[in-house]
Protein backbone atom coordinates (compact mmCIF):
# COMPACT_ATOMS: atom_id res chain seq x y z
CA MET A 1 10.39 4.80 -5.48
CA PRO A 2 8.35 6.84 -2.93
CA ALA A 3 8.54 10.59 -3.06
CA ILE A 4 7.72 12.18 0.15
CA ILE A 5 7.52 15.92 -0.94
CA ALA A 6 4.98 18.39 0.18
CA ASN A 7 2.08 20.04 -1.82
CA THR A 8 2.35 17.80 -5.33
CA GLY A 9 -0.71 16.26 -5.21
CA ILE A 10 0.25 12.73 -4.71
CA ILE A 11 -2.12 10.36 -3.01
CA THR A 12 -0.17 8.14 0.10
CA GLN A 13 -2.17 5.10 1.13
CA ILE A 14 -0.79 4.03 4.37
CA ASN A 15 -2.33 0.37 5.07
CA VAL A 16 -1.38 -1.08 8.04
CA PHE A 17 -2.11 -4.82 8.76
CA ASP A 18 -2.59 -6.63 11.95
CA ALA A 19 -1.63 -10.00 10.38
CA HIS A 20 -3.03 -13.24 11.27
CA PRO A 21 -0.75 -15.82 13.62
CA GLY A 22 1.94 -17.28 11.30
CA LYS A 23 0.64 -15.20 8.27
CA THR A 24 2.86 -12.12 8.12
CA GLU A 25 5.50 -13.86 5.23
CA ALA A 26 2.08 -14.88 3.44
CA LEU A 27 0.84 -11.19 3.37
CA ILE A 28 4.39 -9.59 2.56
CA ASP A 29 4.19 -11.94 -0.24
CA LEU A 30 0.42 -11.12 -1.28
CA LEU A 31 1.05 -7.66 -1.01
CA SER A 32 4.36 -7.85 -3.26
CA GLU A 33 2.38 -9.65 -5.70
CA ALA A 34 -0.37 -6.88 -5.51
CA ALA A 35 2.08 -3.97 -6.30
CA ASN A 36 3.56 -5.94 -8.99
CA ALA A 37 -0.10 -6.54 -10.50
CA ALA A 38 -0.71 -2.60 -10.14
CA ARG A 39 2.40 -1.24 -11.54
CA ASP A 40 1.24 -0.86 -14.92
CA VAL A 41 -1.82 1.31 -14.18
CA PRO A 42 -1.40 4.88 -15.32
CA GLY A 43 -0.19 7.02 -12.26
CA TRP A 44 0.96 4.28 -9.77
CA LEU A 45 3.97 5.69 -8.55
CA SER A 46 5.14 3.00 -6.08
CA ALA A 47 5.06 0.79 -2.91
CA SER A 48 6.83 -0.04 0.17
CA LEU A 49 6.51 -2.60 2.24
CA HIS A 50 7.32 -2.73 6.34
CA ARG A 51 7.25 -5.70 8.66
CA SER A 52 6.92 -4.78 12.58
CA LEU A 53 10.09 -5.86 14.44
CA ASP A 54 7.56 -8.40 16.19
CA GLY A 55 6.31 -9.63 13.22
CA THR A 56 2.55 -9.09 14.07
CA LYS A 57 2.24 -6.47 11.49
CA VAL A 58 2.91 -4.98 7.71
CA ALA A 59 2.47 -1.70 6.76
CA ASN A 60 2.50 -0.58 3.08
CA TYR A 61 3.20 2.70 1.98
CA ALA A 62 1.83 3.06 -1.47
CA GLN A 63 1.99 6.56 -3.31
CA CYS A 64 -0.60 7.46 -6.51
CA ALA A 65 -0.13 10.43 -8.76
CA ASP A 66 -3.22 11.82 -7.98
CA HIS A 67 -6.83 10.31 -6.72
CA ALA A 68 -8.04 9.05 -10.14
CA ALA A 69 -4.94 7.00 -10.50
CA TRP A 70 -5.09 5.53 -6.70
CA GLU A 71 -9.06 4.51 -8.27
CA ARG A 72 -7.51 2.85 -10.86
CA VAL A 73 -5.51 1.11 -8.84
CA MET A 74 -7.98 -0.22 -6.42
CA ALA A 75 -10.03 -1.06 -9.23
CA LYS A 76 -7.62 -3.71 -10.38
CA LEU A 77 -6.63 -4.87 -7.28
CA PHE A 78 -9.97 -5.66 -6.31
CA ALA A 79 -10.68 -7.00 -9.86
CA GLY A 80 -7.72 -9.22 -9.19
CA GLY A 81 -9.13 -10.53 -5.90
CA PHE A 82 -6.37 -9.24 -4.00
CA ILE A 83 -8.27 -7.25 -1.42
CA GLU A 84 -10.19 -10.35 -0.83
CA ARG A 85 -7.11 -12.83 -0.69
CA ASN A 86 -5.74 -9.98 1.90
CA LYS A 87 -8.72 -10.48 4.10
CA ALA A 88 -7.70 -14.15 5.12
CA LEU A 89 -3.99 -13.13 6.47
CA GLY A 90 -4.88 -10.09 8.27
CA VAL A 91 -7.26 -7.10 8.83
CA ALA A 92 -6.26 -3.80 6.91
CA HIS A 93 -6.95 -0.39 8.38
CA PRO A 94 -6.11 2.00 5.30
CA GLN A 95 -6.20 5.62 5.26
CA LEU A 96 -5.36 8.14 2.12
CA TYR A 97 -2.91 11.12 2.77
CA GLU A 98 -1.03 13.78 1.69
CA VAL A 99 1.58 15.17 2.37
CA VAL A 100 1.87 18.70 4.00
CA HIS A 101 5.33 18.81 5.59
CA THR A 102 9.02 17.44 5.79
CA LEU A 103 11.98 18.12 7.10
CA ASP A 104 15.81 16.75 6.50
CA ARG A 105 18.77 17.00 7.82
C-alpha cells in the first residue's frame, strides 16, 4: 500500500503514459506484470495504476524505500524487457519525487 508521508526518504516515481490508440488496457496489463516482477526486489514498496477517464493516459505511482532500491527495480525491469515492451504501447513521461508536504481532513 502506498505511504504518502513527508520527509521519510521514500522515492516515488510518477510516470504518466500517453497510451497509443487502442493500447490502454494492454499497457495497464503490462505495467501490472512489471509491478509483480519488481515486488521481490529489496526496497520495492508499492505500485498504483491509474487510467484517465478519457482512456488516453495511464499513470503509475510507484514507491521504493530509497534511491538505491529504485535503481535495483529499474535494473530488473530493463533486464526483463519491460521498458522496451512499454514503448510499443505508449510514450512514458517518468519523474522521481519525494513527498515534502501532505494534508488530511
